[in-house]
Amino acid sequence: MTQQRLSTLLLIALAILLGTIALDALLPVMRLPAVPLPDLLQNYVTVFLGIFIEAAPFLLLGSLASGLIAEFVTADDIARLFPRNKIAGAVAGALLGMIFPVCECGVVPVVRRLYQKGFPISAGIAFLLGAPVLNPIVIASTYAAFGLGPIFWGRIAFTLLIATGIGLVFSVQSNLARVIAPRTLAPMIGGMDDWHAQRRSPLRGDSPLVPGQPSGSITLRLQNAFSIATDEFFDMGRFLIIGTLIAATLQTFIPQQALIGIGRGSVTSVIALQLLAFVLSVCSTVDAFLALSFVNTFTVGAIIAFLVFGPMVDIKSTTLYLNVFRPRVVFYIIALCFLSALLIGVFINLNVAW
């Protein structure tokens, strides 16, 4: 009941925001007296819609991938195809974004579904952190912004290094229940997937559709996959709205010039851009063009840290992580990502002449 109330409140808040900006746009068209909105409110609505509209399509794509995995991928497939060696598994997990080209929003429902299919902990976390950068779309956008220079190669190499390393850190934990949130583990023990398995297809009367089973026509299996994807999208969507509201609030009320003003220090510039990446919550598919505007203001190490840390952890992705992992694990992931990117950025500034 609490989740239903929270979802209702978030939908009401979203409707108010959309209605406000729509009313502001339609009044001049309808030749009615304009009701000017305060600049702060206009800025808040614009920032919120910018982040939400940018992220929602990728969450939808991730949810569709999650539904297809639930229906067509079995635990046996994971065990047979994925490397058993921890190091090889973590590297393969980080590079899995080349197959599932999703950003930091779309990757979360995919990881959750893979865990429900028996995916290794280390590989899942490496995929979660690496896929938003190590996929063809983001690689192409980074090349378009910076060319084949040190920032391009640094982003790819350091993302792979950090994602693999943090994945290996969690590989020592063999108890899945100490890492994954109970609601994510629920389908393994009679939760969401079992609920879908009990749903009745309108085309087959009382015949159940069982995710991951080979029986049934391709049409019915796709129908079941899309049904799972729909529930996944709305389940994760409320966390995206929460994160977007927080990000819009911070962007509106925290002066970003205070961070940009310290952009030339070897250490302070890295910290400033990492904090900015966390607050801005820009999608990894377009953040390279934003980073390009910092080239003459910030150090090279800070820009690389921005491009590596931002896709791994920001406000909206943190709220999504809390839907998959236990809170202390989310804290460890954020801390490890922040410290790793900070160390790399400072090392570049102090030791590499670019």
Foldseek 3Di string as FASTA:
>chain_A
DVVVVLLVVLVVVVCVLVVVVVCQVCCVVVVHDHDDDPPLSVLLSVLLCVLCVQQLVLLLLLLLLLLCCQAAPALVNQVVPADPDLLSLQLCLLLCLQVVQGFLNSLLSNLLSVVLRVRQQLSSQLNNQRNNCNYDLLLVLLCVLPNPDPLSVLLNVLSSVLSSVVSSVCNVDPDVPQWWDVQSNCVNPCPDQVVQQCDADPVPGRHGRHGNDPDDDPVVSSVSSVVSSVVSSSVLVSLLSVLSSQLSVCVSPPDLVVLLVPAEDLQSNQVSLLLVLQSSLDISSNVSNVLSVCPVRHDSLNSSLNSNLNRNHHRSSLSSVVNTTPPVNSVVSNVSSSVSSSVSSSCCSVPPDD
